[in-house]
N, C-alpha and C. Protein backbone atom coordinates (compact mmCIF):
# COMPACT_ATOMS: atom_id res chain seq x y z
N MET A 1 41.02 55.19 -13.97
CA MET A 1 40.07 54.29 -13.38
C MET A 1 40.25 52.93 -13.99
N GLY A 2 39.48 52.04 -13.60
CA GLY A 2 39.61 50.68 -14.10
C GLY A 2 38.83 50.44 -15.37
N LYS A 3 38.93 49.24 -15.83
CA LYS A 3 38.20 48.85 -17.03
C LYS A 3 36.71 48.80 -16.74
N SER A 4 35.92 49.23 -17.67
CA SER A 4 34.48 49.13 -17.48
C SER A 4 34.01 47.75 -17.93
N ARG A 5 33.05 47.20 -17.22
CA ARG A 5 32.52 45.87 -17.53
C ARG A 5 31.20 46.00 -18.26
N VAL A 6 31.01 45.12 -19.18
CA VAL A 6 29.74 45.07 -19.89
C VAL A 6 28.94 43.95 -19.24
N ILE A 7 27.80 44.30 -18.71
CA ILE A 7 26.95 43.30 -18.07
C ILE A 7 25.83 42.94 -19.02
N GLU A 8 25.80 41.69 -19.37
CA GLU A 8 24.75 41.24 -20.28
C GLU A 8 23.52 40.88 -19.48
N ASP A 9 22.37 41.05 -20.09
CA ASP A 9 21.10 40.74 -19.45
C ASP A 9 20.82 39.25 -19.63
N HIS A 10 20.88 38.50 -18.54
CA HIS A 10 20.63 37.05 -18.60
C HIS A 10 19.32 36.73 -17.92
N LYS A 11 18.62 35.79 -18.50
CA LYS A 11 17.40 35.30 -17.87
C LYS A 11 17.81 34.27 -16.82
N MET A 12 17.36 34.45 -15.59
CA MET A 12 17.70 33.52 -14.51
C MET A 12 16.81 32.29 -14.62
N GLU A 13 17.42 31.15 -14.49
CA GLU A 13 16.67 29.90 -14.50
C GLU A 13 16.84 29.21 -13.16
N GLU A 14 15.76 28.67 -12.65
CA GLU A 14 15.85 27.92 -11.42
C GLU A 14 16.28 26.51 -11.78
N LEU A 15 17.30 26.04 -11.12
CA LEU A 15 17.87 24.74 -11.47
C LEU A 15 17.36 23.61 -10.59
N GLY A 16 16.34 23.89 -9.81
CA GLY A 16 15.75 22.83 -9.00
C GLY A 16 16.50 22.57 -7.71
N VAL A 17 17.28 23.53 -7.26
CA VAL A 17 17.99 23.34 -6.00
C VAL A 17 17.16 23.79 -4.81
N GLY A 18 15.96 24.29 -5.08
CA GLY A 18 15.04 24.62 -4.00
C GLY A 18 15.32 25.94 -3.32
N LEU A 19 15.90 26.89 -4.02
CA LEU A 19 16.19 28.18 -3.41
C LEU A 19 15.04 29.16 -3.53
N GLY A 20 14.15 28.96 -4.50
CA GLY A 20 13.00 29.85 -4.68
C GLY A 20 11.94 29.55 -3.66
N GLU A 21 11.26 30.58 -3.17
CA GLU A 21 10.24 30.41 -2.13
C GLU A 21 9.10 29.53 -2.61
N GLU A 22 8.61 29.79 -3.83
CA GLU A 22 7.51 29.01 -4.36
C GLU A 22 7.92 27.54 -4.53
N SER A 23 9.14 27.35 -5.00
CA SER A 23 9.65 26.00 -5.18
C SER A 23 9.71 25.26 -3.85
N ASN A 24 10.17 25.94 -2.79
CA ASN A 24 10.24 25.32 -1.47
C ASN A 24 8.86 24.88 -1.01
N ASN A 25 7.86 25.74 -1.19
CA ASN A 25 6.50 25.39 -0.78
C ASN A 25 5.99 24.19 -1.57
N GLN A 26 6.22 24.18 -2.86
CA GLN A 26 5.76 23.06 -3.68
C GLN A 26 6.48 21.78 -3.29
N GLN A 27 7.78 21.90 -3.04
CA GLN A 27 8.54 20.71 -2.64
C GLN A 27 8.06 20.21 -1.27
N ALA A 28 7.79 21.12 -0.36
CA ALA A 28 7.31 20.73 0.97
C ALA A 28 5.96 20.05 0.87
N GLU A 29 5.06 20.62 0.06
CA GLU A 29 3.74 20.00 -0.11
C GLU A 29 3.86 18.62 -0.73
N ALA A 30 4.71 18.47 -1.72
CA ALA A 30 4.90 17.17 -2.36
C ALA A 30 5.49 16.17 -1.37
N SER A 31 6.41 16.64 -0.54
CA SER A 31 7.03 15.78 0.46
C SER A 31 5.99 15.32 1.49
N ILE A 32 5.14 16.25 1.92
CA ILE A 32 4.09 15.91 2.89
C ILE A 32 3.12 14.89 2.28
N GLN A 33 2.76 15.09 1.02
CA GLN A 33 1.86 14.15 0.36
C GLN A 33 2.50 12.78 0.25
N ARG A 34 3.80 12.73 -0.09
CA ARG A 34 4.49 11.43 -0.17
C ARG A 34 4.54 10.77 1.19
N GLN A 35 4.83 11.56 2.24
CA GLN A 35 4.89 11.01 3.58
C GLN A 35 3.52 10.51 4.02
N GLY A 36 2.47 11.26 3.69
CA GLY A 36 1.11 10.84 4.03
C GLY A 36 0.75 9.54 3.34
N ALA A 37 1.10 9.42 2.07
CA ALA A 37 0.83 8.19 1.32
C ALA A 37 1.63 7.04 1.90
N SER A 38 2.87 7.32 2.26
CA SER A 38 3.73 6.29 2.85
C SER A 38 3.18 5.85 4.21
N CYS A 39 2.73 6.82 4.99
CA CYS A 39 2.15 6.52 6.30
C CYS A 39 0.89 5.66 6.15
N ARG A 40 0.01 6.07 5.23
CA ARG A 40 -1.22 5.29 5.01
C ARG A 40 -0.90 3.87 4.57
N LEU A 41 0.10 3.72 3.72
CA LEU A 41 0.50 2.40 3.26
C LEU A 41 1.03 1.55 4.41
N ARG A 42 1.85 2.16 5.30
CA ARG A 42 2.36 1.41 6.46
C ARG A 42 1.22 1.00 7.39
N ILE A 43 0.27 1.89 7.61
CA ILE A 43 -0.86 1.57 8.48
C ILE A 43 -1.69 0.45 7.85
N GLN A 44 -1.94 0.55 6.55
CA GLN A 44 -2.72 -0.48 5.86
C GLN A 44 -2.02 -1.84 5.95
N ARG A 45 -0.70 -1.83 5.73
CA ARG A 45 0.06 -3.08 5.81
C ARG A 45 0.03 -3.64 7.24
N THR A 46 0.16 -2.76 8.23
CA THR A 46 0.14 -3.20 9.62
C THR A 46 -1.23 -3.77 9.99
N MET A 47 -2.29 -3.19 9.45
CA MET A 47 -3.63 -3.74 9.70
C MET A 47 -3.75 -5.14 9.08
N GLN A 48 -3.14 -5.35 7.92
CA GLN A 48 -3.15 -6.68 7.31
C GLN A 48 -2.38 -7.66 8.19
N PHE A 49 -1.26 -7.22 8.77
CA PHE A 49 -0.50 -8.08 9.69
C PHE A 49 -1.32 -8.41 10.92
N LEU A 50 -2.07 -7.43 11.40
CA LEU A 50 -2.94 -7.63 12.57
C LEU A 50 -3.99 -8.70 12.27
N VAL A 51 -4.67 -8.58 11.15
CA VAL A 51 -5.70 -9.56 10.77
C VAL A 51 -5.07 -10.94 10.64
N HIS A 52 -3.92 -11.01 9.98
CA HIS A 52 -3.26 -12.31 9.81
C HIS A 52 -2.92 -12.92 11.17
N ALA A 53 -2.28 -12.13 12.03
CA ALA A 53 -1.84 -12.65 13.33
C ALA A 53 -3.02 -13.12 14.18
N CYS A 54 -4.15 -12.44 14.08
CA CYS A 54 -5.32 -12.84 14.86
C CYS A 54 -5.95 -14.12 14.33
N GLN A 55 -5.72 -14.44 13.07
CA GLN A 55 -6.29 -15.64 12.47
C GLN A 55 -5.29 -16.80 12.41
N CYS A 56 -4.02 -16.51 12.59
CA CYS A 56 -2.95 -17.50 12.45
C CYS A 56 -2.83 -18.35 13.71
N HIS A 57 -2.81 -19.65 13.53
CA HIS A 57 -2.68 -20.56 14.67
C HIS A 57 -1.34 -21.29 14.66
N SER A 58 -0.47 -20.90 13.75
CA SER A 58 0.84 -21.54 13.64
C SER A 58 1.82 -20.95 14.64
N ALA A 59 2.50 -21.83 15.36
CA ALA A 59 3.52 -21.36 16.30
C ALA A 59 4.79 -20.94 15.56
N ASN A 60 4.97 -21.45 14.34
CA ASN A 60 6.16 -21.16 13.55
C ASN A 60 5.79 -20.50 12.22
N CYS A 61 4.97 -19.49 12.26
CA CYS A 61 4.53 -18.82 11.04
C CYS A 61 5.73 -18.22 10.32
N SER A 62 5.75 -18.35 9.00
CA SER A 62 6.88 -17.85 8.21
C SER A 62 6.79 -16.36 7.92
N LEU A 63 5.66 -15.74 8.16
CA LEU A 63 5.52 -14.30 7.94
C LEU A 63 6.23 -13.58 9.10
N PRO A 64 7.28 -12.80 8.80
CA PRO A 64 8.08 -12.18 9.88
C PRO A 64 7.28 -11.30 10.84
N SER A 65 6.24 -10.67 10.37
CA SER A 65 5.47 -9.77 11.23
C SER A 65 4.55 -10.52 12.19
N CYS A 66 4.25 -11.77 11.89
CA CYS A 66 3.27 -12.53 12.68
C CYS A 66 3.70 -12.72 14.13
N PRO A 67 4.89 -13.27 14.41
CA PRO A 67 5.27 -13.45 15.82
C PRO A 67 5.35 -12.12 16.58
N LYS A 68 5.82 -11.07 15.90
CA LYS A 68 5.91 -9.77 16.55
C LYS A 68 4.52 -9.26 16.93
N MET A 69 3.57 -9.37 16.00
CA MET A 69 2.20 -8.91 16.27
C MET A 69 1.57 -9.76 17.37
N LYS A 70 1.85 -11.05 17.37
CA LYS A 70 1.32 -11.92 18.42
C LYS A 70 1.88 -11.53 19.79
N ARG A 71 3.16 -11.13 19.84
CA ARG A 71 3.75 -10.68 21.11
C ARG A 71 3.09 -9.38 21.58
N VAL A 72 2.82 -8.49 20.64
CA VAL A 72 2.15 -7.23 21.00
C VAL A 72 0.74 -7.53 21.54
N MET A 73 0.04 -8.47 20.89
CA MET A 73 -1.31 -8.83 21.36
C MET A 73 -1.25 -9.42 22.77
N GLN A 74 -0.27 -10.29 23.01
CA GLN A 74 -0.13 -10.90 24.35
C GLN A 74 0.20 -9.82 25.38
N HIS A 75 1.07 -8.90 25.00
CA HIS A 75 1.40 -7.80 25.90
C HIS A 75 0.14 -7.01 26.25
N THR A 76 -0.63 -6.66 25.23
CA THR A 76 -1.82 -5.83 25.43
C THR A 76 -2.85 -6.53 26.30
N LYS A 77 -3.00 -7.83 26.12
CA LYS A 77 -3.96 -8.59 26.93
C LYS A 77 -3.59 -8.55 28.41
N GLY A 78 -2.30 -8.56 28.73
CA GLY A 78 -1.88 -8.64 30.13
C GLY A 78 -1.38 -7.34 30.75
N CYS A 79 -1.28 -6.30 29.96
CA CYS A 79 -0.71 -5.04 30.46
C CYS A 79 -1.62 -4.37 31.48
N LYS A 80 -1.04 -3.98 32.59
CA LYS A 80 -1.79 -3.31 33.65
C LYS A 80 -1.90 -1.80 33.42
N ARG A 81 -0.98 -1.24 32.63
CA ARG A 81 -0.97 0.21 32.42
C ARG A 81 -1.91 0.66 31.30
N LYS A 82 -2.43 -0.27 30.49
CA LYS A 82 -3.22 0.14 29.33
C LYS A 82 -4.52 0.85 29.72
N THR A 83 -5.11 0.49 30.83
CA THR A 83 -6.37 1.10 31.22
C THR A 83 -6.22 2.57 31.56
N SER A 84 -5.05 2.94 32.06
CA SER A 84 -4.82 4.36 32.38
C SER A 84 -4.24 5.12 31.20
N GLY A 85 -3.99 4.42 30.10
CA GLY A 85 -3.44 5.07 28.91
C GLY A 85 -1.95 5.33 29.03
N GLY A 86 -1.30 4.68 30.00
CA GLY A 86 0.12 4.93 30.25
C GLY A 86 1.08 4.07 29.45
N CYS A 87 0.58 3.14 28.68
CA CYS A 87 1.46 2.26 27.93
C CYS A 87 1.43 2.62 26.44
N PRO A 88 2.55 3.09 25.89
CA PRO A 88 2.56 3.49 24.48
C PRO A 88 2.35 2.33 23.52
N ILE A 89 2.79 1.14 23.89
CA ILE A 89 2.58 -0.03 23.04
C ILE A 89 1.09 -0.33 22.94
N CYS A 90 0.43 -0.38 24.08
CA CYS A 90 -1.01 -0.66 24.10
C CYS A 90 -1.80 0.45 23.41
N LYS A 91 -1.39 1.69 23.64
CA LYS A 91 -2.09 2.82 23.04
C LYS A 91 -2.07 2.72 21.52
N GLN A 92 -0.89 2.42 20.96
CA GLN A 92 -0.76 2.30 19.52
C GLN A 92 -1.51 1.08 18.99
N PHE A 93 -1.42 -0.03 19.71
CA PHE A 93 -2.10 -1.25 19.27
C PHE A 93 -3.61 -1.07 19.29
N ILE A 94 -4.12 -0.48 20.34
CA ILE A 94 -5.57 -0.28 20.44
C ILE A 94 -6.05 0.71 19.38
N ALA A 95 -5.23 1.73 19.08
CA ALA A 95 -5.59 2.65 18.00
C ALA A 95 -5.65 1.91 16.67
N LEU A 96 -4.72 0.99 16.45
CA LEU A 96 -4.73 0.18 15.22
C LEU A 96 -5.98 -0.69 15.18
N CYS A 97 -6.33 -1.31 16.30
CA CYS A 97 -7.55 -2.13 16.37
C CYS A 97 -8.78 -1.27 16.13
N CYS A 98 -8.78 -0.06 16.64
CA CYS A 98 -9.89 0.86 16.46
C CYS A 98 -10.06 1.23 14.99
N LEU A 99 -8.95 1.52 14.34
CA LEU A 99 -9.00 1.84 12.91
C LEU A 99 -9.49 0.64 12.11
N HIS A 100 -9.02 -0.54 12.47
CA HIS A 100 -9.50 -1.77 11.81
C HIS A 100 -11.01 -1.91 12.00
N ALA A 101 -11.47 -1.71 13.22
CA ALA A 101 -12.89 -1.88 13.53
C ALA A 101 -13.76 -0.91 12.74
N LYS A 102 -13.27 0.29 12.51
CA LYS A 102 -14.04 1.27 11.73
C LYS A 102 -14.25 0.79 10.30
N LEU A 103 -13.32 0.00 9.78
CA LEU A 103 -13.40 -0.46 8.40
C LEU A 103 -13.95 -1.88 8.26
N CYS A 104 -13.99 -2.61 9.36
CA CYS A 104 -14.35 -4.04 9.33
C CYS A 104 -15.84 -4.25 9.07
N GLN A 105 -16.14 -5.25 8.26
CA GLN A 105 -17.52 -5.60 7.94
C GLN A 105 -17.91 -6.99 8.44
N GLU A 106 -16.97 -7.72 9.03
CA GLU A 106 -17.24 -9.09 9.47
C GLU A 106 -18.01 -9.11 10.79
N ASN A 107 -19.03 -9.96 10.84
CA ASN A 107 -19.82 -10.07 12.07
C ASN A 107 -19.06 -10.73 13.20
N ASN A 108 -18.27 -11.74 12.89
CA ASN A 108 -17.53 -12.46 13.92
C ASN A 108 -16.02 -12.30 13.70
N CYS A 109 -15.60 -11.09 13.62
CA CYS A 109 -14.19 -10.80 13.35
C CYS A 109 -13.32 -11.33 14.50
N GLN A 110 -12.20 -11.91 14.12
CA GLN A 110 -11.27 -12.49 15.10
C GLN A 110 -10.23 -11.49 15.61
N VAL A 111 -10.21 -10.29 15.04
CA VAL A 111 -9.23 -9.29 15.48
C VAL A 111 -9.57 -8.86 16.90
N LEU A 112 -8.53 -8.84 17.71
CA LEU A 112 -8.67 -8.50 19.11
C LEU A 112 -9.40 -7.16 19.27
N PHE A 113 -10.39 -7.12 20.11
CA PHE A 113 -11.19 -5.93 20.44
C PHE A 113 -12.11 -5.44 19.33
N CYS A 114 -12.09 -6.04 18.14
CA CYS A 114 -12.85 -5.50 17.01
C CYS A 114 -14.35 -5.41 17.29
N VAL A 115 -14.94 -6.51 17.71
CA VAL A 115 -16.40 -6.52 17.95
C VAL A 115 -16.76 -5.53 19.05
N TYR A 116 -15.97 -5.50 20.11
CA TYR A 116 -16.22 -4.58 21.22
C TYR A 116 -16.12 -3.12 20.75
N ILE A 117 -15.06 -2.82 20.00
CA ILE A 117 -14.87 -1.45 19.52
C ILE A 117 -15.99 -1.04 18.58
N ARG A 118 -16.41 -1.94 17.71
CA ARG A 118 -17.51 -1.61 16.78
C ARG A 118 -18.79 -1.31 17.54
N ARG A 119 -19.06 -2.07 18.57
CA ARG A 119 -20.25 -1.78 19.39
C ARG A 119 -20.14 -0.39 20.01
N ARG A 120 -18.96 -0.09 20.54
CA ARG A 120 -18.75 1.23 21.16
C ARG A 120 -18.86 2.35 20.12
N LEU A 121 -18.33 2.11 18.93
CA LEU A 121 -18.42 3.11 17.85
C LEU A 121 -19.87 3.32 17.44
N ASP A 122 -20.64 2.24 17.40
CA ASP A 122 -22.06 2.37 17.05
C ASP A 122 -22.81 3.17 18.11
N LEU A 123 -22.50 2.94 19.38
CA LEU A 123 -23.18 3.65 20.47
C LEU A 123 -22.80 5.13 20.49
N ASN A 124 -21.55 5.42 20.23
CA ASN A 124 -21.06 6.80 20.32
C ASN A 124 -20.61 7.31 18.96
N SER A 125 -21.36 7.01 17.92
CA SER A 125 -20.90 7.29 16.56
C SER A 125 -20.53 8.75 16.31
N SER A 126 -21.15 9.68 16.99
CA SER A 126 -20.85 11.09 16.71
C SER A 126 -19.57 11.57 17.38
N SER A 127 -19.16 10.95 18.48
CA SER A 127 -18.00 11.48 19.20
C SER A 127 -16.80 10.54 19.19
N SER A 128 -16.86 9.44 18.46
CA SER A 128 -15.77 8.47 18.48
C SER A 128 -14.65 8.87 17.53
N SER A 129 -13.45 8.64 17.97
CA SER A 129 -12.31 8.89 17.09
C SER A 129 -11.22 7.88 17.36
N CYS A 130 -10.50 7.54 16.32
CA CYS A 130 -9.36 6.65 16.42
C CYS A 130 -8.18 7.37 15.79
N VAL A 131 -7.06 7.34 16.46
CA VAL A 131 -5.88 8.00 15.92
C VAL A 131 -4.75 7.00 15.89
N VAL A 132 -4.12 6.89 14.74
CA VAL A 132 -2.95 6.02 14.59
C VAL A 132 -1.82 6.87 14.09
N SER A 133 -0.70 6.80 14.76
CA SER A 133 0.47 7.59 14.37
C SER A 133 1.49 6.73 13.68
N CYS A 134 2.09 7.28 12.64
CA CYS A 134 3.13 6.54 11.93
C CYS A 134 4.44 6.57 12.67
N SER A 135 4.59 7.45 13.61
CA SER A 135 5.88 7.60 14.28
C SER A 135 6.18 6.47 15.24
N ALA A 136 5.19 5.68 15.59
CA ALA A 136 5.42 4.61 16.56
C ALA A 136 5.78 3.30 15.90
N GLY A 137 6.32 3.34 14.71
CA GLY A 137 6.74 2.11 14.05
C GLY A 137 5.58 1.34 13.50
N GLY A 138 5.86 0.23 12.92
CA GLY A 138 4.73 -0.50 12.41
C GLY A 138 5.05 -1.43 11.38
């Protein structure tokens, strides 16, 4: 017969390659938390761009997001599909305005739709919801 092998008893160590089931779950949860934090940060930054663009009167603003946000606002003001919910640009913009309105404390806020949305939220406080998705850019 052949040579007999001596098998030593080794303690297995996980090297962080994510092969263990528990490790995968922990890594997935950590990834989701990072993505959630990243998403919240993008939404917060986009809301700041929204406030700036609504208050900015410069045609040549140096903030790169300002002209883009102003174009989105102009689009939303004139879009015919927004009332039926068929325009993804308007849907995302209005959701952003809704989220802003939920947090806004200014009586005469210049953000598009803010005062109107706050009134609607006050009237329907129990059933109102605003949803903003990170997948639509920002």
